Amino acid sequence: MTRLRLALLNAAHDGANTARNFRRELDADLVEFDANAQQLPDHFEFDGVVITGSRSSVYWDEEWIPPLVEWTAEAAEHGLPILGVCYGHQVLAEALGGRVGGMDDFDIGYNEIIHRGDDELFAGIDREFTVFTTHGDAVVELPPGAELLAENEFGVHAFRKGDCWGVQFHPEYDVETAETVTEGKRERIGDERVDDVLSEITPERYDAACEAKTLFDNFTAHCRRVRDAESSTEIEA
């Protein structure tokens, strides 16, 4: 079976660890683009797209953000399956006509999420599941026609529209990444809260959060189904 070819739009400002995490979790050949260096594909010849997290906000006045949102919208119009993670989830929401806004609080640490229904992205994942979260923005208006899939007290944590999914949490994080990201939030949320979150980054909590990694397999399985269906159509034509 031919391996999937996915575009990885890396929006992280120090993208090496982010790329490593997604390479580990996605069973596919990744064509990587440094999104905040304005590196984007000039075509849509992929089996799917994954958009990563970032410390930026989609509403910031930075020259690399509008092209990323625009390319994402065009990729969706071309029928490409898309998975947006954290910032990528917010980019996808904006690209499809939703709206992102700043939160009054900051959601960080291992937290519980509840998903609704039986969407294929969450197949094999308990209705209430553990994830690592770190965000000060949230999707405040879903795109027209999108379905809310998961949430917690901080708001939307997953949505779907067609072949596009956004998840606000970070299923790709390992313990090292969770610790590094948390340490980097001292100026924003203060030493006491950072130390509290660090104390909860334990092997047990990480093991619990690994359940959410199943969604990467579910996403790539969907990409294969879309690719195979298109191949069958081309053969019949």
C-alpha atoms as a PDB file:
ATOM      1  CA  MET A   1       0.000   0.000   0.000  1.00  0.00           C
ATOM      2  CA  THR A   2       1.356   3.410  -0.995  1.00  0.00           C
ATOM      3  CA  ARG A   3       2.081   5.593   2.010  1.00  0.00           C
ATOM      4  CA  LEU A   4       0.093   8.728   2.550  1.00  0.00           C
ATOM      5  CA  ARG A   5       1.667  12.033   1.612  1.00  0.00           C
ATOM      6  CA  LEU A   6       0.609  14.781   3.990  1.00  0.00           C
ATOM      7  CA  ALA A   7       1.485  18.470   4.056  1.00  0.00           C
ATOM      8  CA  LEU A   8       2.623  19.509   7.546  1.00  0.00           C
ATOM      9  CA  LEU A   9       2.163  23.256   7.935  1.00  0.00           C
ATOM     10  CA  ASN A  10       4.393  23.981  10.909  1.00  0.00           C
ATOM     11  CA  ALA A  11       3.296  27.236  12.533  1.00  0.00           C
ATOM     12  CA  ALA A  12       5.554  26.902  15.595  1.00  0.00           C
ATOM     13  CA  HIS A  13       8.179  29.633  15.947  1.00  0.00           C
ATOM     14  CA  ASP A  14      10.778  27.103  17.095  1.00  0.00           C
ATOM     15  CA  GLY A  15       9.495  24.257  15.008  1.00  0.00           C
ATOM     16  CA  ALA A  16      12.014  21.450  15.515  1.00  0.00           C
ATOM     17  CA  ASN A  17      10.271  19.794  18.483  1.00  0.00           C
ATOM     18  CA  THR A  18       6.874  20.296  16.877  1.00  0.00           C
ATOM     19  CA  ALA A  19       7.999  18.591  13.677  1.00  0.00           C
ATOM     20  CA  ARG A  20       9.527  15.735  15.696  1.00  0.00           C
ATOM     21  CA  ASN A  21       6.283  15.143  17.559  1.00  0.00           C
ATOM     22  CA  PHE A  22       4.146  15.021  14.436  1.00  0.00           C
ATOM     23  CA  ARG A  23       6.642  12.808  12.590  1.00  0.00           C
ATOM     24  CA  ARG A  24       6.395  10.362  15.470  1.00  0.00           C
ATOM     25  CA  GLU A  25       2.597  10.302  15.587  1.00  0.00           C
ATOM     26  CA  LEU A  26       1.571  10.379  11.922  1.00  0.00           C
ATOM     27  CA  ASP A  27       1.890   7.221   9.826  1.00  0.00           C
ATOM     28  CA  ALA A  28       2.624   9.088   6.610  1.00  0.00           C
ATOM     29  CA  ASP A  29       5.318  10.781   4.590  1.00  0.00           C
ATOM     30  CA  LEU A  30       5.296  14.419   5.688  1.00  0.00           C
ATOM     31  CA  VAL A  31       6.157  17.289   3.381  1.00  0.00           C
ATOM     32  CA  GLU A  32       7.036  20.017   5.864  1.00  0.00           C
ATOM     33  CA  PHE A  33       6.504  23.762   5.432  1.00  0.00           C
ATOM     34  CA  ASP A  34       7.623  26.527   7.805  1.00  0.00           C
ATOM     35  CA  ALA A  35       4.378  28.481   7.839  1.00  0.00           C
ATOM     36  CA  ASN A  36       5.578  31.493   9.823  1.00  0.00           C
ATOM     37  CA  ALA A  37       8.455  31.889   7.365  1.00  0.00           C
ATOM     38  CA  GLN A  38       5.724  32.141   4.697  1.00  0.00           C
ATOM     39  CA  GLN A  39       6.582  28.745   3.266  1.00  0.00           C
ATOM     40  CA  LEU A  40       3.361  27.246   1.928  1.00  0.00           C
ATOM     41  CA  PRO A  41       2.652  24.695  -0.809  1.00  0.00           C
ATOM     42  CA  ASP A  42       2.019  26.048  -4.293  1.00  0.00           C
ATOM     43  CA  HIS A  43      -0.353  23.164  -5.089  1.00  0.00           C
ATOM     44  CA  PHE A  44      -2.817  20.794  -3.421  1.00  0.00           C
ATOM     45  CA  GLU A  45      -1.368  17.447  -4.500  1.00  0.00           C
ATOM     46  CA  PHE A  46      -1.466  15.844  -1.052  1.00  0.00           C
ATOM     47  CA  ASP A  47      -3.549  13.176   0.631  1.00  0.00           C
ATOM     48  CA  GLY A  48      -4.216  15.497   3.554  1.00  0.00           C
ATOM     49  CA  VAL A  49      -2.999  18.468   5.566  1.00  0.00           C
ATOM     50  CA  VAL A  50      -2.001  18.910   9.215  1.00  0.00           C
ATOM     51  CA  ILE A  51      -1.615  22.388  10.739  1.00  0.00           C
ATOM     52  CA  THR A  52       0.333  22.651  13.993  1.00  0.00           C
ATOM     53  CA  GLY A  53       0.247  24.816  17.083  1.00  0.00           C
ATOM     54  CA  SER A  54       1.904  28.205  17.460  1.00  0.00           C
ATOM     55  CA  ARG A  55       2.412  30.865  20.108  1.00  0.00           C
ATOM     56  CA  SER A  56       0.783  33.392  17.758  1.00  0.00           C
ATOM     57  CA  SER A  57      -2.898  34.325  17.605  1.00  0.00           C
ATOM     58  CA  VAL A  58      -4.752  34.152  14.304  1.00  0.00           C
ATOM     59  CA  TYR A  59      -5.962  37.739  14.745  1.00  0.00           C
ATOM     60  CA  TRP A  60      -2.453  39.195  15.176  1.00  0.00           C
ATOM     61  CA  ASP A  61      -1.159  41.538  12.502  1.00  0.00           C
ATOM     62  CA  GLU A  62       1.613  39.298  11.206  1.00  0.00           C
ATOM     63  CA  GLU A  63       2.233  38.989   7.478  1.00  0.00           C
ATOM     64  CA  TRP A  64       2.475  35.194   7.448  1.00  0.00           C
ATOM     65  CA  ILE A  65      -0.954  34.569   8.994  1.00  0.00           C
ATOM     66  CA  PRO A  66      -3.388  35.667   6.223  1.00  0.00           C
ATOM     67  CA  PRO A  67      -1.657  33.534   3.551  1.00  0.00           C
ATOM     68  CA  LEU A  68      -1.859  30.498   5.860  1.00  0.00           C
ATOM     69  CA  VAL A  69      -5.578  31.054   6.459  1.00  0.00           C
ATOM     70  CA  GLU A  70      -6.188  31.612   2.745  1.00  0.00           C
ATOM     71  CA  TRP A  71      -4.268  28.505   1.671  1.00  0.00           C
ATOM     72  CA  THR A  72      -6.171  26.442   4.252  1.00  0.00           C
ATOM     73  CA  ALA A  73      -9.487  27.692   2.884  1.00  0.00           C
ATOM     74  CA  GLU A  74      -8.425  26.772  -0.654  1.00  0.00           C
ATOM     75  CA  ALA A  75      -7.244  23.324   0.463  1.00  0.00           C
ATOM     76  CA  ALA A  76     -10.664  22.704   2.020  1.00  0.00           C
ATOM     77  CA  GLU A  77     -12.350  23.828  -1.203  1.00  0.00           C
ATOM     78  CA  HIS A  78     -10.181  21.297  -3.073  1.00  0.00           C
ATOM     79  CA  GLY A  79     -11.557  18.568  -0.797  1.00  0.00           C
ATOM     80  CA  LEU A  80      -8.355  17.814   1.080  1.00  0.00           C
ATOM     81  CA  PRO A  81      -8.809  16.251   4.535  1.00  0.00           C
ATOM     82  CA  ILE A  82      -7.415  18.713   7.091  1.00  0.00           C
ATOM     83  CA  LEU A  83      -6.511  18.316  10.761  1.00  0.00           C
ATOM     84  CA  GLY A  84      -5.768  21.501  12.695  1.00  0.00           C
ATOM     85  CA  VAL A  85      -4.190  21.197  16.146  1.00  0.00           C
ATOM     86  CA  CYS A  86      -4.449  24.049  18.717  1.00  0.00           C
ATOM     87  CA  TYR A  87      -3.445  27.107  16.671  1.00  0.00           C
ATOM     88  CA  GLY A  88      -4.102  24.995  13.583  1.00  0.00           C
ATOM     89  CA  HIS A  89      -7.627  24.362  14.893  1.00  0.00           C
ATOM     90  CA  GLN A  90      -8.116  28.131  15.142  1.00  0.00           C
ATOM     91  CA  VAL A  91      -6.653  28.730  11.663  1.00  0.00           C
ATOM     92  CA  LEU A  92      -9.064  26.153  10.270  1.00  0.00           C
ATOM     93  CA  ALA A  93     -12.015  27.744  12.053  1.00  0.00           C
ATOM     94  CA  GLU A  94     -11.157  31.155  10.585  1.00  0.00           C
ATOM     95  CA  ALA A  95     -10.542  29.672   7.129  1.00  0.00           C
ATOM     96  CA  LEU A  96     -13.984  28.052   7.109  1.00  0.00           C
ATOM     97  CA  GLY A  97     -15.825  31.160   8.283  1.00  0.00           C
ATOM     98  CA  GLY A  98     -15.720  30.861  12.085  1.00  0.00           C
ATOM     99  CA  ARG A  99     -14.239  33.269  14.601  1.00  0.00           C
ATOM    100  CA  VAL A 100     -11.473  33.074  17.216  1.00  0.00           C
ATOM    101  CA  GLY A 101     -11.153  35.318  20.262  1.00  0.00           C
ATOM    102  CA  GLY A 102      -9.007  35.762  23.340  1.00  0.00           C
ATOM    103  CA  MET A 103     -10.001  34.037  26.592  1.00  0.00           C
ATOM    104  CA  ASP A 104     -10.302  35.616  30.029  1.00  0.00           C
ATOM    105  CA  ASP A 105      -8.261  32.738  31.473  1.00  0.00           C
ATOM    106  CA  PHE A 106      -5.472  30.467  30.213  1.00  0.00           C
ATOM    107  CA  ASP A 107      -6.118  26.750  29.801  1.00  0.00           C
ATOM    108  CA  ILE A 108      -2.943  24.759  30.524  1.00  0.00           C
ATOM    109  CA  GLY A 109      -2.048  21.316  31.840  1.00  0.00           C
ATOM    110  CA  TYR A 110      -3.557  17.850  31.723  1.00  0.00           C
ATOM    111  CA  ASN A 111      -7.305  18.374  31.613  1.00  0.00           C
ATOM    112  CA  GLU A 112     -10.474  16.446  30.883  1.00  0.00           C
ATOM    113  CA  ILE A 113     -12.400  16.848  27.627  1.00  0.00           C
ATOM    114  CA  ILE A 114     -15.795  15.426  26.702  1.00  0.00           C
ATOM    115  CA  HIS A 115     -16.542  14.480  23.114  1.00  0.00           C
ATOM    116  CA  ARG A 116     -20.004  14.143  21.673  1.00  0.00           C
ATOM    117  CA  GLY A 117     -21.494  11.446  19.538  1.00  0.00           C
ATOM    118  CA  ASP A 118     -19.647   8.927  17.441  1.00  0.00           C
ATOM    119  CA  ASP A 119     -17.532  10.953  15.019  1.00  0.00           C
ATOM    120  CA  GLU A 120     -14.866   8.839  13.359  1.00  0.00           C
ATOM    121  CA  LEU A 121     -12.022  11.078  14.607  1.00  0.00           C
ATOM    122  CA  PHE A 122     -12.792   9.973  18.174  1.00  0.00           C
ATOM    123  CA  ALA A 123     -13.355   6.276  17.446  1.00  0.00           C
ATOM    124  CA  GLY A 124     -11.754   4.224  20.225  1.00  0.00           C
ATOM    125  CA  ILE A 125     -11.475   7.229  22.578  1.00  0.00           C
ATOM    126  CA  ASP A 126     -13.543   7.341  25.768  1.00  0.00           C
ATOM    127  CA  ARG A 127     -16.276   9.962  25.883  1.00  0.00           C
ATOM    128  CA  GLU A 128     -14.355  11.722  28.675  1.00  0.00           C
ATOM    129  CA  PHE A 129     -10.630  11.710  28.031  1.00  0.00           C
ATOM    130  CA  THR A 130      -7.401  13.345  29.230  1.00  0.00           C
ATOM    131  CA  VAL A 131      -5.349  15.722  27.107  1.00  0.00           C
ATOM    132  CA  PHE A 132      -2.656  18.361  27.506  1.00  0.00           C
ATOM    133  CA  THR A 133      -3.933  21.840  26.762  1.00  0.00           C
ATOM    134  CA  THR A 134      -2.182  25.187  26.450  1.00  0.00           C
ATOM    135  CA  HIS A 135      -4.082  28.104  24.920  1.00  0.00           C
ATOM    136  CA  GLY A 136      -5.305  31.609  25.641  1.00  0.00           C
ATOM    137  CA  ASP A 137      -7.525  31.826  22.542  1.00  0.00           C
ATOM    138  CA  ALA A 138     -10.580  29.799  21.625  1.00  0.00           C
ATOM    139  CA  VAL A 139     -13.009  29.293  18.773  1.00  0.00           C
ATOM    140  CA  VAL A 140     -15.905  31.512  19.825  1.00  0.00           C
ATOM    141  CA  GLU A 141     -18.022  30.985  16.697  1.00  0.00           C
ATOM    142  CA  LEU A 142     -18.007  27.711  14.792  1.00  0.00           C
ATOM    143  CA  PRO A 143     -17.815  27.890  11.007  1.00  0.00           C
ATOM    144  CA  PRO A 144     -21.236  27.782   9.305  1.00  0.00           C
ATOM    145  CA  GLY A 145     -22.338  24.166   9.016  1.00  0.00           C
ATOM    146  CA  ALA A 146     -19.654  22.857  11.393  1.00  0.00           C
ATOM    147  CA  GLU A 147     -20.456  20.345  14.119  1.00  0.00           C
ATOM    148  CA  LEU A 148     -19.235  20.735  17.696  1.00  0.00           C
ATOM    149  CA  LEU A 149     -17.451  17.497  18.650  1.00  0.00           C
ATOM    150  CA  ALA A 150     -15.747  18.140  22.000  1.00  0.00           C
ATOM    151  CA  GLU A 151     -15.589  20.763  24.735  1.00  0.00           C
ATOM    152  CA  ASN A 152     -14.697  21.541  28.333  1.00  0.00           C
ATOM    153  CA  GLU A 153     -15.269  24.503  30.633  1.00  0.00           C
ATOM    154  CA  PHE A 154     -12.972  26.617  28.452  1.00  0.00           C
ATOM    155  CA  GLY A 155     -15.116  26.131  25.353  1.00  0.00           C
ATOM    156  CA  VAL A 156     -14.776  24.398  21.988  1.00  0.00           C
ATOM    157  CA  HIS A 157     -12.167  21.642  21.853  1.00  0.00           C
ATOM    158  CA  ALA A 158     -13.047  19.973  18.568  1.00  0.00           C
ATOM    159  CA  PHE A 159     -15.233  20.578  15.537  1.00  0.00           C
ATOM    160  CA  ARG A 160     -15.793  19.083  12.114  1.00  0.00           C
ATOM    161  CA  LYS A 161     -16.918  20.424   8.793  1.00  0.00           C
ATOM    162  CA  GLY A 162     -16.851  17.920   5.957  1.00  0.00           C
ATOM    163  CA  ASP A 163     -13.380  16.393   5.747  1.00  0.00           C
ATOM    164  CA  CYS A 164     -11.893  19.052   8.055  1.00  0.00           C
ATOM    165  CA  TRP A 165     -11.336  18.661  11.789  1.00  0.00           C
ATOM    166  CA  GLY A 166      -9.943  21.015  14.395  1.00  0.00           C
ATOM    167  CA  VAL A 167      -8.820  19.986  17.886  1.00  0.00           C
ATOM    168  CA  GLN A 168      -7.824  22.592  20.458  1.00  0.00           C
ATOM    169  CA  PHE A 169      -5.746  20.225  22.610  1.00  0.00           C
ATOM    170  CA  HIS A 170      -2.324  18.686  21.920  1.00  0.00           C
ATOM    171  CA  PRO A 171      -2.459  14.911  21.364  1.00  0.00           C
ATOM    172  CA  GLU A 172       1.068  15.018  19.905  1.00  0.00           C
ATOM    173  CA  TYR A 173       2.795  16.237  23.082  1.00  0.00           C
ATOM    174  CA  ASP A 174       5.307  14.082  24.922  1.00  0.00           C
ATOM    175  CA  VAL A 175       6.383  14.784  28.508  1.00  0.00           C
ATOM    176  CA  GLU A 176       9.408  16.832  27.419  1.00  0.00           C
ATOM    177  CA  THR A 177       7.284  19.106  25.249  1.00  0.00           C
ATOM    178  CA  ALA A 178       4.661  19.574  27.962  1.00  0.00           C
ATOM    179  CA  GLU A 179       7.362  20.589  30.446  1.00  0.00           C
ATOM    180  CA  THR A 180       9.130  22.937  28.010  1.00  0.00           C
ATOM    181  CA  VAL A 181       5.938  24.686  26.948  1.00  0.00           C
ATOM    182  CA  THR A 182       4.799  25.084  30.555  1.00  0.00           C
ATOM    183  CA  GLU A 183       8.151  26.570  31.607  1.00  0.00           C
ATOM    184  CA  GLY A 184       7.782  29.111  28.840  1.00  0.00           C
ATOM    185  CA  LYS A 185       4.548  30.445  30.335  1.00  0.00           C
ATOM    186  CA  ARG A 186       5.996  31.872  33.582  1.00  0.00           C
ATOM    187  CA  GLU A 187       5.783  35.470  32.427  1.00  0.00           C
ATOM    188  CA  ARG A 188       2.212  35.034  31.242  1.00  0.00           C
ATOM    189  CA  ILE A 189       0.615  33.020  34.058  1.00  0.00           C
ATOM    190  CA  GLY A 190       3.083  33.324  36.947  1.00  0.00           C
ATOM    191  CA  ASP A 191       5.483  31.009  38.771  1.00  0.00           C
ATOM    192  CA  GLU A 192       2.930  29.486  41.151  1.00  0.00           C
ATOM    193  CA  ARG A 193       0.630  28.258  38.425  1.00  0.00           C
ATOM    194  CA  VAL A 194       3.500  27.031  36.279  1.00  0.00           C
ATOM    195  CA  ASP A 195       4.903  25.061  39.219  1.00  0.00           C
ATOM    196  CA  ASP A 196       1.459  23.562  39.888  1.00  0.00           C
ATOM    197  CA  VAL A 197       1.138  22.420  36.278  1.00  0.00           C
ATOM    198  CA  LEU A 198       4.676  21.015  36.235  1.00  0.00           C
ATOM    199  CA  SER A 199       3.913  18.967  39.352  1.00  0.00           C
ATOM    200  CA  GLU A 200       1.046  17.302  37.463  1.00  0.00           C
ATOM    201  CA  ILE A 201       3.150  16.319  34.434  1.00  0.00           C
ATOM    202  CA  THR A 202       3.687  12.751  35.576  1.00  0.00           C
ATOM    203  CA  PRO A 203       4.115   9.450  33.729  1.00  0.00           C
ATOM    204  CA  GLU A 204       0.627   8.462  34.870  1.00  0.00           C
ATOM    205  CA  ARG A 205      -1.007  11.592  33.452  1.00  0.00           C
ATOM    206  CA  TYR A 206       0.956  11.264  30.221  1.00  0.00           C
ATOM    207  CA  ASP A 207      -0.100   7.627  29.863  1.00  0.00           C
ATOM    208  CA  ALA A 208      -3.725   8.661  30.299  1.00  0.00           C
ATOM    209  CA  ALA A 209      -3.330  11.352  27.634  1.00  0.00           C
ATOM    210  CA  CYS A 210      -1.895   8.860  25.143  1.00  0.00           C
ATOM    211  CA  GLU A 211      -5.436   7.611  24.499  1.00  0.00           C
ATOM    212  CA  ALA A 212      -6.067  10.792  22.491  1.00  0.00           C
ATOM    213  CA  LYS A 213      -3.229   9.922  20.090  1.00  0.00           C
ATOM    214  CA  THR A 214      -5.674   7.456  18.514  1.00  0.00           C
ATOM    215  CA  LEU A 215      -7.153  10.371  16.603  1.00  0.00           C
ATOM    216  CA  PHE A 216      -4.022  10.555  14.439  1.00  0.00           C
ATOM    217  CA  ASP A 217      -4.632   6.986  13.268  1.00  0.00           C
ATOM    218  CA  ASN A 218      -8.290   7.818  12.713  1.00  0.00           C
ATOM    219  CA  PHE A 219      -7.385  10.874  10.654  1.00  0.00           C
ATOM    220  CA  THR A 220      -4.881   9.034   8.467  1.00  0.00           C
ATOM    221  CA  ALA A 221      -7.414   6.215   7.980  1.00  0.00           C
ATOM    222  CA  HIS A 222      -9.877   8.818   6.717  1.00  0.00           C
ATOM    223  CA  CYS A 223      -7.232  10.236   4.371  1.00  0.00           C
ATOM    224  CA  ARG A 224      -6.678   6.767   2.924  1.00  0.00           C
ATOM    225  CA  ARG A 225     -10.400   6.259   2.357  1.00  0.00           C
ATOM    226  CA  VAL A 226     -10.669   9.595   0.554  1.00  0.00           C
ATOM    227  CA  ARG A 227      -7.601   8.828  -1.562  1.00  0.00           C
ATOM    228  CA  ASP A 228      -8.830   5.337  -2.460  1.00  0.00           C
ATOM    229  CA  ALA A 229     -12.294   6.618  -3.335  1.00  0.00           C
ATOM    230  CA  GLU A 230     -10.789   9.229  -5.653  1.00  0.00           C
ATOM    231  CA  SER A 231      -8.537   6.618  -7.266  1.00  0.00           C
ATOM    232  CA  SER A 232     -11.533   4.354  -7.909  1.00  0.00           C
ATOM    233  CA  THR A 233     -13.436   7.230  -9.491  1.00  0.00           C
ATOM    234  CA  GLU A 234     -10.504   8.041 -11.759  1.00  0.00           C
ATOM    235  CA  ILE A 235     -10.201   4.399 -12.847  1.00  0.00           C
ATOM    236  CA  GLU A 236     -13.926   4.171 -13.620  1.00  0.00           C
ATOM    237  CA  ALA A 237     -13.743   7.407 -15.623  1.00  0.00           C
END
